[in-house]
Amino acid sequence: MTSNRFSIARHQTHSVAVGPVPVGGNAPVVVQSMTNTDTADADTTTRQVAQLAQAGSELVRITVNSDEAARAVPSIREKLDAMGVTT
């Protein structure tokens, strides 16, 4: 019996779409990152998301840990759309 010590059995998952990016299933590994800004600061968070996208992140996560941060999300999305950032 031969075995490949580099062979890894992967858990089978279903693919889901996060915006236009497929994740899981047979989709390729997605380069992703997470901001370390205060999400309530829409300008700083927008700038960091744009920088991460420029660096190659296909998916950028932000923390929404307060009502103020939640209220900033639409503004962040609008600013990113205006910049042409779709990550």
PDB file of N, CA and C in Angstrom:
ATOM      1  N   MET A   1       0.849  -1.183   0.000  1.00  0.00           N
ATOM      2  CA  MET A   1       0.000   0.000   0.000  1.00  0.00           C
ATOM      3  C   MET A   1       0.890   1.240   0.000  1.00  0.00           C
ATOM      4  N   THR A   2       0.625   2.133  -0.905  1.00  0.00           N
ATOM      5  CA  THR A   2       1.387   3.375  -0.933  1.00  0.00           C
ATOM      6  C   THR A   2       0.519   4.499  -0.409  1.00  0.00           C
ATOM      7  N   SER A   3       1.163   5.440   0.226  1.00  0.00           N
ATOM      8  CA  SER A   3       0.422   6.608   0.708  1.00  0.00           C
ATOM      9  C   SER A   3       1.244   7.852   0.446  1.00  0.00           C
ATOM     10  N   ASN A   4       0.563   8.904   0.280  1.00  0.00           N
ATOM     11  CA  ASN A   4       1.214  10.188   0.075  1.00  0.00           C
ATOM     12  C   ASN A   4       1.100  10.967   1.371  1.00  0.00           C
ATOM     13  N   ARG A   5       2.211  11.232   2.002  1.00  0.00           N
ATOM     14  CA  ARG A   5       2.154  11.920   3.297  1.00  0.00           C
ATOM     15  C   ARG A   5       1.694  13.371   3.165  1.00  0.00           C
ATOM     16  N   PHE A   6       1.623  13.859   1.945  1.00  0.00           N
ATOM     17  CA  PHE A   6       1.161  15.227   1.733  1.00  0.00           C
ATOM     18  C   PHE A   6      -0.310  15.290   1.344  1.00  0.00           C
ATOM     19  N   SER A   7      -0.944  14.147   1.243  1.00  0.00           N
ATOM     20  CA  SER A   7      -2.355  14.094   0.890  1.00  0.00           C
ATOM     21  C   SER A   7      -3.202  14.427   2.116  1.00  0.00           C
ATOM     22  N   ILE A   8      -4.089  15.356   1.954  1.00  0.00           N
ATOM     23  CA  ILE A   8      -4.947  15.782   3.058  1.00  0.00           C
ATOM     24  C   ILE A   8      -6.397  15.564   2.652  1.00  0.00           C
ATOM     25  N   ALA A   9      -7.136  14.880   3.497  1.00  0.00           N
ATOM     26  CA  ALA A   9      -8.564  14.686   3.245  1.00  0.00           C
ATOM     27  C   ALA A   9      -9.298  15.941   3.686  1.00  0.00           C
ATOM     28  N   ARG A  10      -9.993  16.575   2.763  1.00  0.00           N
ATOM     29  CA  ARG A  10     -10.717  17.806   3.078  1.00  0.00           C
ATOM     30  C   ARG A  10     -12.158  17.492   3.419  1.00  0.00           C
ATOM     31  N   HIS A  11     -12.673  18.218   4.379  1.00  0.00           N
ATOM     32  CA  HIS A  11     -14.088  18.121   4.742  1.00  0.00           C
ATOM     33  C   HIS A  11     -14.911  18.721   3.603  1.00  0.00           C
ATOM     34  N   GLN A  12     -15.912  18.014   3.134  1.00  0.00           N
ATOM     35  CA  GLN A  12     -16.745  18.501   2.039  1.00  0.00           C
ATOM     36  C   GLN A  12     -17.708  19.577   2.550  1.00  0.00           C
ATOM     37  N   THR A  13     -17.696  20.721   1.904  1.00  0.00           N
ATOM     38  CA  THR A  13     -18.584  21.818   2.276  1.00  0.00           C
ATOM     39  C   THR A  13     -19.359  22.273   1.045  1.00  0.00           C
ATOM     40  N   HIS A  14     -20.375  23.062   1.276  1.00  0.00           N
ATOM     41  CA  HIS A  14     -21.155  23.652   0.189  1.00  0.00           C
ATOM     42  C   HIS A  14     -20.582  25.024  -0.121  1.00  0.00           C
ATOM     43  N   SER A  15     -20.623  25.403  -1.365  1.00  0.00           N
ATOM     44  CA  SER A  15     -20.164  26.717  -1.777  1.00  0.00           C
ATOM     45  C   SER A  15     -21.262  27.748  -1.507  1.00  0.00           C
ATOM     46  N   VAL A  16     -20.865  28.892  -0.979  1.00  0.00           N
ATOM     47  CA  VAL A  16     -21.780  30.015  -0.790  1.00  0.00           C
ATOM     48  C   VAL A  16     -21.131  31.246  -1.408  1.00  0.00           C
ATOM     49  N   ALA A  17     -21.938  32.198  -1.781  1.00  0.00           N
ATOM     50  CA  ALA A  17     -21.418  33.432  -2.363  1.00  0.00           C
ATOM     51  C   ALA A  17     -21.432  34.536  -1.318  1.00  0.00           C
ATOM     52  N   VAL A  18     -20.303  35.202  -1.178  1.00  0.00           N
ATOM     53  CA  VAL A  18     -20.205  36.401  -0.351  1.00  0.00           C
ATOM     54  C   VAL A  18     -20.026  37.527  -1.360  1.00  0.00           C
ATOM     55  N   GLY A  19     -21.151  38.171  -1.702  1.00  0.00           N
ATOM     56  CA  GLY A  19     -21.124  39.089  -2.835  1.00  0.00           C
ATOM     57  C   GLY A  19     -20.797  38.268  -4.071  1.00  0.00           C
ATOM     58  N   PRO A  20     -19.828  38.704  -4.870  1.00  0.00           N
ATOM     59  CA  PRO A  20     -19.473  37.938  -6.067  1.00  0.00           C
ATOM     60  C   PRO A  20     -18.428  36.846  -5.817  1.00  0.00           C
ATOM     61  N   VAL A  21     -17.981  36.687  -4.562  1.00  0.00           N
ATOM     62  CA  VAL A  21     -16.882  35.766  -4.250  1.00  0.00           C
ATOM     63  C   VAL A  21     -17.418  34.436  -3.731  1.00  0.00           C
ATOM     64  N   PRO A  22     -17.155  33.331  -4.447  1.00  0.00           N
ATOM     65  CA  PRO A  22     -17.573  32.025  -3.928  1.00  0.00           C
ATOM     66  C   PRO A  22     -16.620  31.558  -2.831  1.00  0.00           C
ATOM     67  N   VAL A  23     -17.193  30.997  -1.764  1.00  0.00           N
ATOM     68  CA  VAL A  23     -16.402  30.510  -0.631  1.00  0.00           C
ATOM     69  C   VAL A  23     -16.866  29.095  -0.310  1.00  0.00           C
ATOM     70  N   GLY A  24     -15.921  28.202  -0.059  1.00  0.00           N
ATOM     71  CA  GLY A  24     -16.255  26.828   0.304  1.00  0.00           C
ATOM     72  C   GLY A  24     -16.495  25.963  -0.913  1.00  0.00           C
ATOM     73  N   GLY A  25     -16.929  24.739  -0.661  1.00  0.00           N
ATOM     74  CA  GLY A  25     -17.150  23.797  -1.753  1.00  0.00           C
ATOM     75  C   GLY A  25     -15.866  23.558  -2.511  1.00  0.00           C
ATOM     76  N   ASN A  26     -15.939  23.607  -3.815  1.00  0.00           N
ATOM     77  CA  ASN A  26     -14.755  23.419  -4.655  1.00  0.00           C
ATOM     78  C   ASN A  26     -14.136  24.745  -5.082  1.00  0.00           C
ATOM     79  N   ALA A  27     -14.587  25.844  -4.496  1.00  0.00           N
ATOM     80  CA  ALA A  27     -14.039  27.157  -4.840  1.00  0.00           C
ATOM     81  C   ALA A  27     -12.586  27.241  -4.362  1.00  0.00           C
ATOM     82  N   PRO A  28     -11.757  28.000  -5.064  1.00  0.00           N
ATOM     83  CA  PRO A  28     -10.370  28.160  -4.608  1.00  0.00           C
ATOM     84  C   PRO A  28     -10.326  28.924  -3.284  1.00  0.00           C
ATOM     85  N   VAL A  29      -9.211  28.808  -2.598  1.00  0.00           N
ATOM     86  CA  VAL A  29      -9.025  29.525  -1.340  1.00  0.00           C
ATOM     87  C   VAL A  29      -9.134  31.023  -1.613  1.00  0.00           C
ATOM     88  N   VAL A  30      -9.838  31.735  -0.744  1.00  0.00           N
ATOM     89  CA  VAL A  30     -10.059  33.169  -0.906  1.00  0.00           C
ATOM     90  C   VAL A  30      -9.089  33.936  -0.011  1.00  0.00           C
ATOM     91  N   VAL A  31      -8.394  34.909  -0.602  1.00  0.00           N
ATOM     92  CA  VAL A  31      -7.519  35.777   0.179  1.00  0.00           C
ATOM     93  C   VAL A  31      -8.411  36.771   0.891  1.00  0.00           C
ATOM     94  N   GLN A  32      -8.353  36.759   2.221  1.00  0.00           N
ATOM     95  CA  GLN A  32      -9.210  37.662   2.982  1.00  0.00           C
ATOM     96  C   GLN A  32      -8.444  38.293   4.124  1.00  0.00           C
ATOM     97  N   SER A  33      -8.984  39.390   4.602  1.00  0.00           N
ATOM     98  CA  SER A  33      -8.379  40.103   5.712  1.00  0.00           C
ATOM     99  C   SER A  33      -9.487  40.735   6.533  1.00  0.00           C
ATOM    100  N   MET A  34      -9.098  41.359   7.623  1.00  0.00           N
ATOM    101  CA  MET A  34     -10.054  42.042   8.495  1.00  0.00           C
ATOM    102  C   MET A  34      -9.457  43.377   8.912  1.00  0.00           C
ATOM    103  N   THR A  35     -10.291  44.387   8.924  1.00  0.00           N
ATOM    104  CA  THR A  35      -9.806  45.702   9.335  1.00  0.00           C
ATOM    105  C   THR A  35      -9.508  45.705  10.830  1.00  0.00           C
ATOM    106  N   ASN A  36      -8.664  46.639  11.237  1.00  0.00           N
ATOM    107  CA  ASN A  36      -8.403  46.828  12.664  1.00  0.00           C
ATOM    108  C   ASN A  36      -8.742  48.259  13.079  1.00  0.00           C
ATOM    109  N   THR A  37      -9.671  48.857  12.350  1.00  0.00           N
ATOM    110  CA  THR A  37     -10.093  50.227  12.631  1.00  0.00           C
ATOM    111  C   THR A  37     -11.380  50.225  13.446  1.00  0.00           C
ATOM    112  N   ASP A  38     -11.720  51.382  13.979  1.00  0.00           N
ATOM    113  CA  ASP A  38     -13.025  51.575  14.614  1.00  0.00           C
ATOM    114  C   ASP A  38     -14.018  51.758  13.467  1.00  0.00           C
ATOM    115  N   THR A  39     -14.888  50.801  13.271  1.00  0.00           N
ATOM    116  CA  THR A  39     -15.810  50.830  12.131  1.00  0.00           C
ATOM    117  C   THR A  39     -16.692  52.072  12.141  1.00  0.00           C
ATOM    118  N   ALA A  40     -16.940  52.633  13.312  1.00  0.00           N
ATOM    119  CA  ALA A  40     -17.733  53.860  13.391  1.00  0.00           C
ATOM    120  C   ALA A  40     -17.027  55.015  12.680  1.00  0.00           C
ATOM    121  N   ASP A  41     -15.710  54.926  12.525  1.00  0.00           N
ATOM    122  CA  ASP A  41     -14.940  55.922  11.782  1.00  0.00           C
ATOM    123  C   ASP A  41     -14.955  55.493  10.310  1.00  0.00           C
ATOM    124  N   ALA A  42     -15.985  55.916   9.609  1.00  0.00           N
ATOM    125  CA  ALA A  42     -16.221  55.450   8.238  1.00  0.00           C
ATOM    126  C   ALA A  42     -15.078  55.797   7.292  1.00  0.00           C
ATOM    127  N   ASP A  43     -14.505  56.980   7.417  1.00  0.00           N
ATOM    128  CA  ASP A  43     -13.432  57.378   6.504  1.00  0.00           C
ATOM    129  C   ASP A  43     -12.195  56.499   6.669  1.00  0.00           C
ATOM    130  N   THR A  44     -11.784  56.270   7.907  1.00  0.00           N
ATOM    131  CA  THR A  44     -10.597  55.445   8.163  1.00  0.00           C
ATOM    132  C   THR A  44     -10.833  54.000   7.750  1.00  0.00           C
ATOM    133  N   THR A  45     -12.017  53.480   8.054  1.00  0.00           N
ATOM    134  CA  THR A  45     -12.331  52.099   7.685  1.00  0.00           C
ATOM    135  C   THR A  45     -12.385  51.953   6.174  1.00  0.00           C
ATOM    136  N   THR A  46     -12.997  52.906   5.488  1.00  0.00           N
ATOM    137  CA  THR A  46     -13.052  52.876   4.024  1.00  0.00           C
ATOM    138  C   THR A  46     -11.649  52.869   3.440  1.00  0.00           C
ATOM    139  N   ARG A  47     -10.799  53.721   3.951  1.00  0.00           N
ATOM    140  CA  ARG A  47      -9.422  53.807   3.458  1.00  0.00           C
ATOM    141  C   ARG A  47      -8.690  52.469   3.649  1.00  0.00           C
ATOM    142  N   GLN A  48      -8.869  51.855   4.833  1.00  0.00           N
ATOM    143  CA  GLN A  48      -8.179  50.593   5.081  1.00  0.00           C
ATOM    144  C   GLN A  48      -8.726  49.464   4.198  1.00  0.00           C
ATOM    145  N   VAL A  49     -10.030  49.410   4.009  1.00  0.00           N
ATOM    146  CA  VAL A  49     -10.604  48.388   3.116  1.00  0.00           C
ATOM    147  C   VAL A  49     -10.037  48.555   1.709  1.00  0.00           C
ATOM    148  N   ALA A  50      -9.963  49.781   1.226  1.00  0.00           N
ATOM    149  CA  ALA A  50      -9.424  50.038  -0.114  1.00  0.00           C
ATOM    150  C   ALA A  50      -7.962  49.604  -0.200  1.00  0.00           C
ATOM    151  N   GLN A  51      -7.183  49.867   0.838  1.00  0.00           N
ATOM    152  CA  GLN A  51      -5.778  49.457   0.853  1.00  0.00           C
ATOM    153  C   GLN A  51      -5.648  47.936   0.841  1.00  0.00           C
ATOM    154  N   LEU A  52      -6.487  47.261   1.618  1.00  0.00           N
ATOM    155  CA  LEU A  52      -6.449  45.794   1.654  1.00  0.00           C
ATOM    156  C   LEU A  52      -6.851  45.205   0.305  1.00  0.00           C
ATOM    157  N   ALA A  53      -7.847  45.803  -0.334  1.00  0.00           N
ATOM    158  CA  ALA A  53      -8.256  45.338  -1.662  1.00  0.00           C
ATOM    159  C   ALA A  53      -7.123  45.543  -2.662  1.00  0.00           C
ATOM    160  N   GLN A  54      -6.470  46.684  -2.599  1.00  0.00           N
ATOM    161  CA  GLN A  54      -5.345  46.976  -3.488  1.00  0.00           C
ATOM    162  C   GLN A  54      -4.208  45.980  -3.269  1.00  0.00           C
ATOM    163  N   ALA A  55      -4.037  45.521  -2.026  1.00  0.00           N
ATOM    164  CA  ALA A  55      -2.974  44.562  -1.697  1.00  0.00           C
ATOM    165  C   ALA A  55      -3.331  43.135  -2.102  1.00  0.00           C
ATOM    166  N   GLY A  56      -4.584  42.902  -2.530  1.00  0.00           N
ATOM    167  CA  GLY A  56      -4.949  41.582  -3.020  1.00  0.00           C
ATOM    168  C   GLY A  56      -6.041  40.861  -2.262  1.00  0.00           C
ATOM    169  N   SER A  57      -6.574  41.462  -1.212  1.00  0.00           N
ATOM    170  CA  SER A  57      -7.667  40.807  -0.490  1.00  0.00           C
ATOM    171  C   SER A  57      -8.900  40.742  -1.379  1.00  0.00           C
ATOM    172  N   GLU A  58      -9.488  39.563  -1.459  1.00  0.00           N
ATOM    173  CA  GLU A  58     -10.712  39.381  -2.233  1.00  0.00           C
ATOM    174  C   GLU A  58     -11.940  39.577  -1.356  1.00  0.00           C
ATOM    175  N   LEU A  59     -11.738  39.465  -0.053  1.00  0.00           N
ATOM    176  CA  LEU A  59     -12.812  39.588   0.921  1.00  0.00           C
ATOM    177  C   LEU A  59     -12.240  40.325   2.122  1.00  0.00           C
ATOM    178  N   VAL A  60     -12.893  41.406   2.535  1.00  0.00           N
ATOM    179  CA  VAL A  60     -12.445  42.159   3.707  1.00  0.00           C
ATOM    180  C   VAL A  60     -13.585  42.198   4.708  1.00  0.00           C
ATOM    181  N   ARG A  61     -13.291  41.777   5.933  1.00  0.00           N
ATOM    182  CA  ARG A  61     -14.296  41.760   6.995  1.00  0.00           C
ATOM    183  C   ARG A  61     -14.103  42.983   7.888  1.00  0.00           C
ATOM    184  N   ILE A  62     -15.211  43.509   8.383  1.00  0.00           N
ATOM    185  CA  ILE A  62     -15.159  44.607   9.346  1.00  0.00           C
ATOM    186  C   ILE A  62     -15.949  44.195  10.584  1.00  0.00           C
ATOM    187  N   THR A  63     -15.579  44.757  11.717  1.00  0.00           N
ATOM    188  CA  THR A  63     -16.283  44.477  12.966  1.00  0.00           C
ATOM    189  C   THR A  63     -17.444  45.445  13.112  1.00  0.00           C
ATOM    190  N   VAL A  64     -18.604  44.923  13.431  1.00  0.00           N
ATOM    191  CA  VAL A  64     -19.767  45.767  13.721  1.00  0.00           C
ATOM    192  C   VAL A  64     -20.196  45.409  15.137  1.00  0.00           C
ATOM    193  N   ASN A  65     -19.597  46.112  16.094  1.00  0.00           N
ATOM    194  CA  ASN A  65     -19.792  45.766  17.500  1.00  0.00           C
ATOM    195  C   ASN A  65     -20.544  46.825  18.294  1.00  0.00           C
ATOM    196  N   SER A  66     -21.169  47.753  17.599  1.00  0.00           N
ATOM    197  CA  SER A  66     -21.962  48.776  18.288  1.00  0.00           C
ATOM    198  C   SER A  66     -22.995  49.330  17.305  1.00  0.00           C
ATOM    199  N   ASP A  67     -23.984  50.006  17.851  1.00  0.00           N
ATOM    200  CA  ASP A  67     -24.989  50.643  16.990  1.00  0.00           C
ATOM    201  C   ASP A  67     -24.341  51.690  16.095  1.00  0.00           C
ATOM    202  N   GLU A  68     -23.376  52.425  16.641  1.00  0.00           N
ATOM    203  CA  GLU A  68     -22.685  53.455  15.865  1.00  0.00           C
ATOM    204  C   GLU A  68     -21.930  52.831  14.679  1.00  0.00           C
ATOM    205  N   ALA A  69     -21.286  51.701  14.925  1.00  0.00           N
ATOM    206  CA  ALA A  69     -20.582  51.003  13.844  1.00  0.00           C
ATOM    207  C   ALA A  69     -21.577  50.521  12.790  1.00  0.00           C
ATOM    208  N   ALA A  70     -22.711  49.994  13.227  1.00  0.00           N
ATOM    209  CA  ALA A  70     -23.737  49.521  12.287  1.00  0.00           C
ATOM    210  C   ALA A  70     -24.254  50.668  11.425  1.00  0.00           C
ATOM    211  N   ARG A  71     -24.421  51.841  12.022  1.00  0.00           N
ATOM    212  CA  ARG A  71     -24.899  52.997  11.255  1.00  0.00           C
ATOM    213  C   ARG A  71     -23.867  53.453  10.223  1.00  0.00           C
ATOM    214  N   ALA A  72     -22.581  53.163  10.457  1.00  0.00           N
ATOM    215  CA  ALA A  72     -21.523  53.587   9.536  1.00  0.00           C
ATOM    216  C   ALA A  72     -21.410  52.682   8.306  1.00  0.00           C
ATOM    217  N   VAL A  73     -21.921  51.465   8.388  1.00  0.00           N
ATOM    218  CA  VAL A  73     -21.739  50.495   7.298  1.00  0.00           C
ATOM    219  C   VAL A  73     -22.279  50.991   5.952  1.00  0.00           C
ATOM    220  N   PRO A  74     -23.497  51.530   5.873  1.00  0.00           N
ATOM    221  CA  PRO A  74     -23.963  52.020   4.559  1.00  0.00           C
ATOM    222  C   PRO A  74     -23.054  53.105   3.973  1.00  0.00           C
ATOM    223  N   SER A  75     -22.539  53.982   4.823  1.00  0.00           N
ATOM    224  CA  SER A  75     -21.637  55.032   4.356  1.00  0.00           C
ATOM    225  C   SER A  75     -20.333  54.431   3.828  1.00  0.00           C
ATOM    226  N   ILE A  76     -19.814  53.433   4.522  1.00  0.00           N
ATOM    227  CA  ILE A  76     -18.587  52.759   4.078  1.00  0.00           C
ATOM    228  C   ILE A  76     -18.818  52.126   2.711  1.00  0.00           C
ATOM    229  N   ARG A  77     -19.941  51.423   2.552  1.00  0.00           N
ATOM    230  CA  ARG A  77     -20.251  50.771   1.274  1.00  0.00           C
ATOM    231  C   ARG A  77     -20.372  51.804   0.152  1.00  0.00           C
ATOM    232  N   GLU A  78     -21.059  52.920   0.429  1.00  0.00           N
ATOM    233  CA  GLU A  78     -21.221  53.970  -0.582  1.00  0.00           C
ATOM    234  C   GLU A  78     -19.870  54.544  -0.996  1.00  0.00           C
ATOM    235  N   LYS A  79     -19.004  54.803  -0.026  1.00  0.00           N
ATOM    236  CA  LYS A  79     -17.675  55.355  -0.321  1.00  0.00           C
ATOM    237  C   LYS A  79     -16.852  54.369  -1.148  1.00  0.00           C
ATOM    238  N   LEU A  80     -16.919  53.078  -0.784  1.00  0.00           N
ATOM    239  CA  LEU A  80     -16.178  52.062  -1.538  1.00  0.00           C
ATOM    240  C   LEU A  80     -16.719  51.941  -2.960  1.00  0.00           C
ATOM    241  N   ASP A  81     -18.042  51.978  -3.110  1.00  0.00           N
ATOM    242  CA  ASP A  81     -18.645  51.933  -4.446  1.00  0.00           C
ATOM    243  C   ASP A  81     -18.169  53.110  -5.291  1.00  0.00           C
ATOM    244  N   ALA A  82     -18.123  54.299  -4.685  1.00  0.00           N
ATOM    245  CA  ALA A  82     -17.686  55.499  -5.402  1.00  0.00           C
ATOM    246  C   ALA A  82     -16.220  55.385  -5.834  1.00  0.00           C
ATOM    247  N   MET A  83     -15.432  54.634  -5.061  1.00  0.00           N
ATOM    248  CA  MET A  83     -14.016  54.431  -5.379  1.00  0.00           C
ATOM    249  C   MET A  83     -13.815  53.277  -6.366  1.00  0.00           C
ATOM    250  N   GLY A  84     -14.883  52.528  -6.639  1.00  0.00           N
ATOM    251  CA  GLY A  84     -14.770  51.373  -7.522  1.00  0.00           C
ATOM    252  C   GLY A  84     -14.231  50.129  -6.837  1.00  0.00           C
ATOM    253  N   VAL A  85     -14.283  50.112  -5.503  1.00  0.00           N
ATOM    254  CA  VAL A  85     -13.800  48.959  -4.733  1.00  0.00           C
ATOM    255  C   VAL A  85     -14.974  48.020  -4.510  1.00  0.00           C
ATOM    256  N   THR A  86     -14.862  46.806  -5.015  1.00  0.00           N
ATOM    257  CA  THR A  86     -15.963  45.849  -4.902  1.00  0.00           C
ATOM    258  C   THR A  86     -15.670  44.728  -3.918  1.00  0.00           C
ATOM    259  N   THR A  87     -14.538  44.776  -3.256  1.00  0.00           N
ATOM    260  CA  THR A  87     -14.168  43.746  -2.275  1.00  0.00           C
ATOM    261  C   THR A  87     -15.133  43.760  -1.122  1.00  0.00           C
TER     262      THR A  87
END
